[in-house]
Amino acid sequence: MKTWLKWSIFAGVIVVLALGWVVYFHNPAVAAKLPKWAWLQATIGHLGEKTSEEAPADEDPDNTKNEIPIHTARVSVATLHRYVEGFGAIAPRPQRGKEMAGGANLASPVAGVIAEVLCQVGQTVHAKDPVIQLDDRVARSAEQQATAALAQAQASLAALKATPRPDQLQIAQLGVEKARSTLDFAQKAYDRQKLLAVDQGVSGKSVEQASMELNTARGELAISEKQLAILKASPTPEDLHQEEAKVAQAAAALATARTQRELMTIKAPIDATVVSLSVNPGEAVDTTRTIVQFVALDRLVVNVDVPADQLPAKPETLSAQILPATGSAPRDGDAPIIGKVSFVSPQVDPRNGAVTVSIDIPATAAGLRPGLSVRVRIIAEEHKDCLAVPREAVVADENGDSVISLVEGDQATHKTVKPGLEEEGLIEITADGIKEGDVVATAGAFGLPAASRVKIID
């Protein structure tokens, strides 16, 4: 036999076997594709997989007589919640009003050289505690000079305010009295010379000399009176303002020098823990470099993005469970950490409909650090003391209604219910005539007829 004929026969056998396998195991599908000829459909039907034998005649098709094995549970009273879940990262809490922020990055307020590091990583500090000391020798010298200048200006002002002194006034008064006596004597001498000139013919030169002395005495009296008036009027407002301005200028210079020196001592801005320290003594720093990082482990927050349409109208009043990022149970079986929603962003992300929610972590929470990823369950709704059954107990009947199978003795009957919140394998049910302790079918409830005879195998 020729080789091509052998291969043709082999291929034909393979095709026949494949067609037989398809017809045998997919008989209904093949029959549906072929023409509806009676002889063809009958032939194809005989070639198909044999159906299971009918039930023995002694089995009654009435479900109320045949026992169907089921598992059961009891209706219980529980508190169920609806959660809005998301994943987020822990971060320091931002400042709110007078409350300190949960974190701070500290830079030097002035350029300088590190003289001493007064803190270490892991140390807890309080606000205004010194943490870094810069070299402040030049600043201290400038402060001392400003202090001396202020003292000098204050002394000058005090001396001005002390004028006139009593002895100065007394001397000036005596000078006025002396000048007045001299003027009286000169006036009398002049009058006498005038009389002598008329009666005895005294030369005119003597009269002129007496007149000059009289004028000189008048001038000296005027000068003495003016000096006394100036002393009585001193210090003048202008002199006082000038000296006071000098004092104010010196005080401002001292305040600037003192502030400059105080800036050399860098202090903690908040009550927190030092988590990062990036300088050593002798290093130069400027105002752009973060040298110390602080985090307050009792002021933390979780920022999480959740669907905006799942939040209630006033989400700021809600609580939230903070859980590990993997798994649904808290670590070591402890109760979940309960936080409070403190902020809901007014802006919704148009790409995914999410909104950012901030949840304050209680100060007593342990084991949480900034940067840690966690799972958050915001408690959006709570139903207290509601009737609940295991989730598998609620099934859909042929009409699509939610039903449970109530078990009494060995009989199970359907009961239409309204399902509610679902949590931890339990589901809320609402229906008339159901009470706590009623027995319901769980495993085996799906497909259970409306009225059945059952066998409890718990």
Protein backbone atom coordinates (compact mmCIF):
# COMPACT_ATOMS: atom_id res chain seq x y z
CA MET A 1 0.00 0.00 0.00
CA LYS A 2 1.30 3.41 -0.88
CA THR A 3 2.48 5.76 1.81
CA TRP A 4 0.04 8.59 0.98
CA LEU A 5 -2.87 6.17 1.19
CA LYS A 6 -1.77 5.01 4.64
CA TRP A 7 -1.57 8.60 5.88
CA SER A 8 -4.98 9.39 4.40
CA ILE A 9 -6.59 6.44 6.20
CA PHE A 10 -4.91 7.43 9.45
CA ALA A 11 -6.14 10.99 9.15
CA GLY A 12 -9.67 9.78 8.37
CA VAL A 13 -9.71 7.59 11.48
CA ILE A 14 -8.58 10.54 13.63
CA VAL A 15 -11.34 12.74 12.20
CA VAL A 16 -13.98 10.07 12.82
CA LEU A 17 -12.83 9.61 16.42
CA ALA A 18 -12.88 13.35 17.04
CA LEU A 19 -16.38 13.67 15.59
CA GLY A 20 -17.54 10.71 17.67
CA TRP A 21 -16.11 12.29 20.85
CA VAL A 22 -17.86 15.59 20.13
CA VAL A 23 -21.19 13.87 19.36
CA TYR A 24 -20.96 11.62 22.43
CA PHE A 25 -20.13 14.26 25.02
CA HIS A 26 -21.82 17.27 23.39
CA ASN A 27 -24.81 15.53 21.91
CA PRO A 28 -27.44 18.23 22.67
CA ALA A 29 -25.28 21.00 21.19
CA VAL A 30 -24.59 18.95 18.03
CA ALA A 31 -28.25 18.03 17.63
CA ALA A 32 -29.24 21.70 17.94
CA LYS A 33 -26.94 22.63 15.04
CA LEU A 34 -28.20 19.89 12.62
CA PRO A 35 -31.43 19.98 10.55
CA LYS A 36 -34.55 18.93 12.45
CA TRP A 37 -35.06 15.71 10.48
CA ALA A 38 -36.55 13.02 12.69
CA TRP A 39 -34.30 10.19 11.51
CA LEU A 40 -31.18 12.36 11.82
CA GLN A 41 -32.09 13.63 15.30
CA ALA A 42 -32.89 10.08 16.44
CA THR A 43 -29.57 8.77 15.14
CA ILE A 44 -27.61 11.55 16.77
CA GLY A 45 -29.52 11.02 20.00
CA HIS A 46 -28.56 7.32 20.11
CA LEU A 47 -24.91 8.24 19.64
CA GLY A 48 -24.94 10.57 22.66
CA GLU A 49 -23.90 9.95 26.29
CA LYS A 50 -26.36 7.81 28.20
CA THR A 51 -28.44 9.71 30.77
CA SER A 52 -28.64 8.59 34.33
CA GLU A 53 -31.26 6.06 35.18
CA GLU A 54 -34.54 7.19 36.56
CA ALA A 55 -35.05 7.09 40.26
CA PRO A 56 -36.24 3.78 41.61
CA ALA A 57 -39.96 3.41 41.80
CA ASP A 58 -39.86 3.22 45.59
CA GLU A 59 -38.52 6.83 45.88
CA ASP A 60 -41.38 9.29 46.21
CA PRO A 61 -40.86 12.51 44.18
CA ASP A 62 -42.70 14.47 46.91
CA ASN A 63 -40.02 16.60 48.66
CA THR A 64 -42.08 16.71 51.83
CA LYS A 65 -41.46 12.99 52.31
CA ASN A 66 -37.79 12.73 51.22
CA GLU A 67 -35.26 13.90 53.82
CA ILE A 68 -32.77 16.50 52.54
CA PRO A 69 -29.61 16.83 54.63
CA ILE A 70 -28.90 20.40 55.83
CA HIS A 71 -26.91 22.35 58.36
CA THR A 72 -28.65 24.87 60.59
CA ALA A 73 -28.04 27.96 62.66
CA ARG A 74 -30.14 30.18 64.90
CA VAL A 75 -31.38 33.69 64.33
CA SER A 76 -29.32 35.98 66.55
CA VAL A 77 -29.38 39.61 67.65
CA ALA A 78 -26.31 41.55 66.56
CA THR A 79 -24.98 45.02 65.82
CA LEU A 80 -23.95 45.28 62.18
CA HIS A 81 -22.16 48.02 60.28
CA ARG A 82 -21.72 49.28 56.76
CA TYR A 83 -18.14 50.21 56.05
CA VAL A 84 -16.47 52.43 53.50
CA GLU A 85 -13.01 50.93 53.06
CA GLY A 86 -9.74 52.20 51.70
CA PHE A 87 -5.99 52.06 52.13
CA GLY A 88 -3.88 54.95 53.37
CA ALA A 89 -0.62 55.94 54.99
CA ILE A 90 -0.01 57.31 58.47
CA ALA A 91 1.34 60.86 58.61
CA PRO A 92 1.88 63.58 61.22
CA ARG A 93 -1.28 65.53 62.00
CA PRO A 94 -1.39 69.10 60.63
CA GLN A 95 -1.76 72.03 63.00
CA ARG A 96 -5.35 72.92 63.89
CA GLY A 97 -5.98 76.14 65.75
CA LYS A 98 -3.98 76.22 68.97
CA GLU A 99 -3.16 72.51 68.80
CA MET A 100 0.47 71.74 67.95
CA ALA A 101 1.27 70.07 64.66
CA GLY A 102 2.20 66.41 64.65
CA GLY A 103 5.48 66.90 62.84
CA ALA A 104 8.08 69.53 61.94
CA ASN A 105 11.20 69.82 59.79
CA LEU A 106 13.61 72.20 61.50
CA ALA A 107 16.14 74.35 59.64
CA SER A 108 18.58 76.87 61.02
CA PRO A 109 17.14 80.42 61.07
CA VAL A 110 20.61 81.84 60.33
CA ALA A 111 23.75 80.62 58.64
CA GLY A 112 26.45 79.47 61.01
CA VAL A 113 28.65 76.70 62.33
CA ILE A 114 27.40 73.95 64.64
CA ALA A 115 28.98 74.34 68.08
CA GLU A 116 27.01 71.67 69.95
CA VAL A 117 24.26 69.11 69.26
CA LEU A 118 21.94 69.04 72.27
CA CYS A 119 19.61 66.16 71.26
CA GLN A 120 19.70 62.66 69.80
CA VAL A 121 17.45 60.48 67.68
CA GLY A 122 14.63 58.94 69.71
CA GLN A 123 14.73 61.65 72.37
CA THR A 124 11.48 63.29 73.41
CA VAL A 125 11.69 67.07 73.58
CA HIS A 126 9.32 69.88 74.48
CA ALA A 127 8.63 73.06 72.59
CA LYS A 128 11.39 75.67 73.08
CA ASP A 129 13.90 73.11 74.35
CA PRO A 130 17.39 73.85 72.86
CA VAL A 131 18.39 71.16 70.35
CA ILE A 132 21.25 72.77 68.34
CA GLN A 133 23.75 75.42 69.44
CA LEU A 134 25.56 77.50 66.79
CA ASP A 135 28.84 79.34 67.43
CA ASP A 136 27.61 82.64 68.96
CA ARG A 137 30.82 84.40 70.00
CA VAL A 138 30.46 87.24 67.48
CA ALA A 139 26.79 87.63 68.32
CA ARG A 140 27.55 87.87 72.05
CA SER A 141 30.15 90.58 71.43
CA ALA A 142 27.68 92.58 69.36
CA GLU A 143 25.11 92.24 72.13
CA GLN A 144 27.58 93.54 74.72
CA GLN A 145 28.39 96.57 72.56
CA ALA A 146 24.71 97.31 72.08
CA THR A 147 24.16 97.02 75.84
CA ALA A 148 26.91 99.56 76.52
CA ALA A 149 25.54 101.97 73.90
CA LEU A 150 22.09 101.80 75.47
CA ALA A 151 23.54 102.50 78.92
CA GLN A 152 25.36 105.56 77.58
CA ALA A 153 22.21 106.92 75.89
CA GLN A 154 20.16 106.36 79.03
CA ALA A 155 22.79 108.20 81.12
CA SER A 156 22.73 111.19 78.78
CA LEU A 157 18.95 111.34 78.97
CA ALA A 158 19.04 111.12 82.74
CA ALA A 159 21.59 113.96 82.94
CA LEU A 160 19.44 116.15 80.71
CA LYS A 161 16.34 115.45 82.78
CA ALA A 162 18.30 116.36 85.95
CA THR A 163 18.94 119.99 84.77
CA PRO A 164 18.85 122.57 86.15
CA ARG A 165 20.41 121.59 89.43
CA PRO A 166 19.57 123.68 92.52
CA ASP A 167 23.12 125.04 92.84
CA GLN A 168 23.06 126.14 89.18
CA LEU A 169 19.84 128.07 89.78
CA GLN A 170 21.31 129.62 92.94
CA ILE A 171 24.46 130.79 91.14
CA ALA A 172 22.40 132.22 88.30
CA GLN A 173 20.16 134.06 90.76
CA LEU A 174 23.20 135.51 92.53
CA GLY A 175 24.57 136.65 89.18
CA VAL A 176 21.29 138.46 88.45
CA GLU A 177 21.35 140.18 91.83
CA LYS A 178 24.99 141.22 91.35
CA ALA A 179 24.23 142.59 87.89
CA ARG A 180 21.25 144.51 89.30
CA SER A 181 23.44 146.03 92.07
CA THR A 182 26.06 146.99 89.53
CA LEU A 183 23.36 148.62 87.41
CA ASP A 184 22.08 150.63 90.41
CA PHE A 185 25.59 151.83 91.22
CA ALA A 186 26.24 152.75 87.59
CA GLN A 187 22.92 154.62 87.39
CA LYS A 188 23.75 156.67 90.51
CA ALA A 189 27.25 157.41 89.22
CA TYR A 190 25.86 158.61 85.93
CA ASP A 191 23.25 160.81 87.62
CA ARG A 192 25.94 162.35 89.85
CA GLN A 193 28.21 163.10 86.90
CA LYS A 194 25.40 164.86 85.11
CA LEU A 195 24.72 167.08 88.15
CA LEU A 196 28.42 167.91 88.55
CA ALA A 197 28.63 168.75 84.92
CA VAL A 198 25.88 171.34 85.33
CA ASP A 199 26.92 172.76 88.74
CA GLN A 200 30.73 172.53 88.72
CA GLY A 201 31.50 172.16 85.01
CA VAL A 202 32.81 168.66 85.05
CA SER A 203 34.22 167.66 81.68
CA GLY A 204 31.97 165.89 79.21
CA LYS A 205 34.43 163.03 79.16
CA SER A 206 33.49 162.00 82.69
CA VAL A 207 29.79 162.04 81.81
CA GLU A 208 30.39 159.81 78.77
CA GLN A 209 32.41 157.40 80.87
CA ALA A 210 29.59 157.12 83.39
CA SER A 211 27.08 156.59 80.56
CA MET A 212 29.14 153.75 79.11
CA GLU A 213 29.41 152.02 82.49
CA LEU A 214 25.65 152.38 82.90
CA ASN A 215 24.97 150.71 79.53
CA THR A 216 27.43 147.94 80.32
CA ALA A 217 25.68 147.26 83.65
CA ARG A 218 22.33 147.11 81.87
CA GLY A 219 23.69 144.56 79.37
CA GLU A 220 25.18 142.37 82.06
CA LEU A 221 21.88 142.40 83.94
CA ALA A 222 20.00 141.35 80.80
CA ILE A 223 22.47 138.52 80.19
CA SER A 224 22.18 137.27 83.78
CA GLU A 225 18.39 137.38 83.65
CA LYS A 226 18.39 135.51 80.32
CA GLN A 227 20.72 132.81 81.66
CA LEU A 228 18.48 132.38 84.70
CA ALA A 229 15.42 132.08 82.45
CA ILE A 230 17.15 129.47 80.27
CA LEU A 231 18.09 127.42 83.31
CA LYS A 232 14.55 127.60 84.66
CA ALA A 233 13.13 126.48 81.24
CA SER A 234 15.61 123.62 80.69
CA PRO A 235 15.50 120.92 79.50
CA THR A 236 13.62 121.99 76.41
CA PRO A 237 11.17 119.55 74.70
CA GLU A 238 13.43 119.43 71.68
CA ASP A 239 16.43 118.39 73.78
CA LEU A 240 14.35 115.74 75.55
CA HIS A 241 13.01 114.32 72.26
CA GLN A 242 16.50 114.16 70.83
CA GLU A 243 17.93 112.27 73.80
CA GLU A 244 14.89 109.97 74.03
CA ALA A 245 15.30 109.12 70.34
CA LYS A 246 18.91 108.19 70.99
CA VAL A 247 17.80 105.90 73.83
CA ALA A 248 15.13 104.25 71.63
CA GLN A 249 17.66 103.72 68.85
CA ALA A 250 20.13 102.14 71.25
CA ALA A 251 17.38 99.88 72.69
CA ALA A 252 16.38 98.72 69.20
CA ALA A 253 20.00 97.95 68.37
CA LEU A 254 20.30 95.93 71.57
CA ALA A 255 17.08 94.00 70.79
CA THR A 256 18.41 93.19 67.32
CA ALA A 257 21.74 92.02 68.72
CA ARG A 258 20.03 89.95 71.42
CA THR A 259 17.66 88.33 68.87
CA GLN A 260 20.59 87.56 66.62
CA ARG A 261 22.37 85.89 69.51
CA GLU A 262 19.23 83.96 70.55
CA LEU A 263 18.82 82.65 66.99
CA MET A 264 22.13 80.90 67.44
CA THR A 265 20.36 78.60 69.94
CA ILE A 266 17.97 76.54 67.78
CA LYS A 267 14.95 75.31 69.75
CA ALA A 268 12.33 72.60 69.19
CA PRO A 269 9.12 74.05 67.70
CA ILE A 270 6.75 71.40 69.14
CA ASP A 271 6.46 68.68 71.77
CA ALA A 272 7.66 65.65 69.81
CA THR A 273 10.25 62.92 69.31
CA VAL A 274 13.45 63.45 67.32
CA VAL A 275 13.29 61.05 64.36
CA SER A 276 16.12 62.41 62.20
CA LEU A 277 19.32 64.34 62.92
CA SER A 278 21.59 65.29 60.01
CA VAL A 279 24.35 67.50 61.51
CA ASN A 280 27.45 67.17 63.67
CA PRO A 281 29.56 69.74 65.58
CA GLY A 282 31.79 71.78 63.29
CA GLU A 283 29.54 71.57 60.23
CA ALA A 284 28.36 74.71 58.48
CA VAL A 285 24.62 75.11 57.98
CA ASP A 286 22.38 77.53 56.12
CA THR A 287 18.69 78.39 56.16
CA THR A 288 17.72 75.96 53.36
CA ARG A 289 18.80 72.67 54.94
CA THR A 290 16.65 70.56 57.25
CA ILE A 291 18.80 69.56 60.20
CA VAL A 292 16.30 67.98 62.63
CA GLN A 293 13.00 66.17 62.03
CA PHE A 294 10.35 65.86 64.73
CA VAL A 295 7.27 63.63 64.91
CA ALA A 296 4.74 63.56 67.74
CA LEU A 297 3.64 59.92 68.01
CA ASP A 298 0.51 60.99 69.87
CA ARG A 299 -0.62 63.33 67.07
CA LEU A 300 -0.93 61.17 63.95
CA VAL A 301 -3.47 60.97 61.15
CA VAL A 302 -4.38 58.55 58.34
CA ASN A 303 -5.11 60.02 54.92
CA VAL A 304 -7.20 57.68 52.78
CA ASP A 305 -9.04 58.00 49.45
CA VAL A 306 -12.55 56.50 49.43
CA PRO A 307 -15.51 56.65 47.01
CA ALA A 308 -17.30 59.95 47.61
CA ASP A 309 -20.74 58.52 46.81
CA GLN A 310 -20.45 55.96 49.64
CA LEU A 311 -20.04 58.55 52.39
CA PRO A 312 -23.09 59.87 54.30
CA ALA A 313 -24.11 63.53 54.32
CA LYS A 314 -22.04 64.44 57.42
CA PRO A 315 -18.97 62.20 57.41
CA GLU A 316 -17.07 64.43 59.89
CA THR A 317 -19.02 62.79 62.74
CA LEU A 318 -18.02 59.22 61.83
CA SER A 319 -15.62 56.80 63.46
CA ALA A 320 -13.25 54.49 61.63
CA GLN A 321 -11.39 51.25 62.29
CA ILE A 322 -7.67 51.24 61.56
CA LEU A 323 -6.39 47.78 60.63
CA PRO A 324 -3.19 46.28 59.22
CA ALA A 325 -2.84 46.69 55.46
CA THR A 326 -3.04 42.89 54.97
CA GLY A 327 -5.74 40.72 56.48
CA SER A 328 -8.97 41.74 58.18
CA ALA A 329 -8.09 41.12 61.80
CA PRO A 330 -5.96 43.37 64.03
CA ARG A 331 -2.52 42.25 65.07
CA ASP A 332 -2.33 39.78 67.94
CA GLY A 333 -6.11 39.52 68.06
CA ASP A 334 -6.48 42.93 69.72
CA ALA A 335 -9.48 45.14 69.15
CA PRO A 336 -9.11 47.45 66.15
CA ILE A 337 -7.90 50.99 66.72
CA ILE A 338 -10.84 53.39 66.53
CA GLY A 339 -10.15 56.82 65.06
CA LYS A 340 -12.31 59.84 64.29
CA VAL A 341 -12.90 61.45 60.90
CA SER A 342 -11.46 64.96 61.24
CA PHE A 343 -11.45 66.25 57.67
CA VAL A 344 -13.12 65.46 54.36
CA SER A 345 -11.72 67.18 51.30
CA PRO A 346 -14.25 69.34 49.45
CA GLN A 347 -12.63 68.30 46.17
CA VAL A 348 -13.57 65.02 44.45
CA ASP A 349 -11.07 63.44 42.07
CA PRO A 350 -12.89 63.39 38.70
CA ARG A 351 -10.79 60.45 37.50
CA ASN A 352 -12.08 57.92 40.03
CA GLY A 353 -14.74 59.73 42.08
CA ALA A 354 -12.65 59.45 45.24
CA VAL A 355 -12.34 61.97 48.05
CA THR A 356 -9.53 62.28 50.60
CA VAL A 357 -10.54 61.67 54.22
CA SER A 358 -8.30 62.34 57.23
CA ILE A 359 -8.77 60.20 60.33
CA ASP A 360 -7.22 61.17 63.66
CA ILE A 361 -5.43 58.32 65.42
CA PRO A 362 -6.00 58.28 69.21
CA ALA A 363 -3.01 59.28 71.31
CA THR A 364 -3.10 55.94 73.14
CA ALA A 365 -2.64 53.87 69.95
CA ALA A 366 0.57 51.85 70.00
CA GLY A 367 2.69 50.45 67.21
CA LEU A 368 1.75 53.02 64.56
CA ARG A 369 4.45 55.09 62.90
CA PRO A 370 4.42 57.67 60.10
CA GLY A 371 4.72 56.08 56.67
CA LEU A 372 3.04 52.82 57.70
CA SER A 373 0.34 51.61 55.28
CA VAL A 374 -2.94 50.62 56.93
CA ARG A 375 -6.45 49.59 55.94
CA VAL A 376 -9.25 51.87 57.06
CA ARG A 377 -12.91 50.98 57.52
CA ILE A 378 -15.05 54.06 58.02
CA ILE A 379 -18.23 53.15 59.90
CA ALA A 380 -20.75 54.77 57.55
CA GLU A 381 -23.83 53.12 59.06
CA GLU A 382 -24.66 51.13 62.20
CA HIS A 383 -27.74 48.99 62.99
CA LYS A 384 -27.92 47.99 66.64
CA ASP A 385 -29.76 44.94 67.99
CA CYS A 386 -30.97 43.72 64.61
CA LEU A 387 -31.89 40.12 63.69
CA ALA A 388 -29.09 38.40 61.80
CA VAL A 389 -28.37 34.99 60.28
CA PRO A 390 -25.32 33.47 58.55
CA ARG A 391 -24.88 34.78 55.02
CA GLU A 392 -25.43 31.35 53.40
CA ALA A 393 -28.88 31.13 55.01
CA VAL A 394 -30.28 33.84 52.72
CA VAL A 395 -30.86 32.59 49.16
CA ALA A 396 -32.93 33.66 46.16
CA ASP A 397 -36.05 31.73 45.19
CA GLU A 398 -37.37 31.17 41.64
CA ASN A 399 -38.90 34.67 41.66
CA GLY A 400 -35.64 36.32 42.67
CA ASP A 401 -36.86 37.16 46.18
CA SER A 402 -34.57 36.74 49.19
CA VAL A 403 -35.76 33.89 51.40
CA ILE A 404 -34.63 31.85 54.37
CA SER A 405 -35.70 28.32 55.23
CA LEU A 406 -37.20 28.16 58.71
CA VAL A 407 -36.76 24.74 60.29
CA GLU A 408 -39.32 23.27 62.69
CA GLY A 409 -38.71 19.65 63.57
CA ASP A 410 -37.96 17.91 60.27
CA GLN A 411 -39.80 20.43 58.11
CA ALA A 412 -38.27 23.47 56.36
CA THR A 413 -40.39 26.23 54.84
CA HIS A 414 -39.43 29.35 52.93
CA LYS A 415 -39.82 32.75 54.52
CA THR A 416 -39.38 35.91 52.45
CA VAL A 417 -37.08 38.41 54.13
CA LYS A 418 -35.57 41.79 53.42
CA PRO A 419 -31.76 41.61 53.67
CA GLY A 420 -29.83 44.50 55.19
CA LEU A 421 -26.28 45.13 56.37
CA GLU A 422 -23.68 42.41 56.04
CA GLU A 423 -20.63 41.97 58.27
CA GLU A 424 -18.29 39.18 59.34
CA GLY A 425 -20.39 36.44 57.74
CA LEU A 426 -23.69 37.68 59.18
CA ILE A 427 -26.49 39.41 57.30
CA GLU A 428 -29.34 41.48 58.69
CA ILE A 429 -32.86 40.25 57.94
CA THR A 430 -36.22 41.92 58.38
CA ALA A 431 -39.54 40.01 58.25
CA ASP A 432 -42.67 39.56 60.28
CA GLY A 433 -42.89 36.55 62.55
CA ILE A 434 -39.14 35.96 62.93
CA LYS A 435 -37.58 36.13 66.37
CA GLU A 436 -34.26 35.47 68.04
CA GLY A 437 -33.53 31.76 68.42
CA ASP A 438 -35.47 30.57 65.34
CA VAL A 439 -33.67 27.77 63.47
CA VAL A 440 -32.75 28.36 59.81
CA ALA A 441 -31.06 26.21 57.20
CA THR A 442 -27.51 27.24 56.24
CA ALA A 443 -25.44 24.76 54.22
CA GLY A 444 -27.88 23.00 51.90
CA ALA A 445 -30.35 25.90 51.89
CA PHE A 446 -29.58 26.80 48.28
CA GLY A 447 -32.06 25.06 45.97
CA LEU A 448 -34.16 23.87 48.88
CA PRO A 449 -37.84 23.72 47.84
CA ALA A 450 -40.40 26.00 49.49
CA ALA A 451 -41.58 23.14 51.70
CA SER A 452 -39.23 20.24 52.40
CA ARG A 453 -38.57 17.42 54.76
CA VAL A 454 -35.03 17.82 56.06
CA LYS A 455 -32.50 15.99 58.10
CA ILE A 456 -30.30 18.10 60.33
CA ILE A 457 -26.72 16.86 60.22
CA ASP A 458 -25.05 19.41 62.49
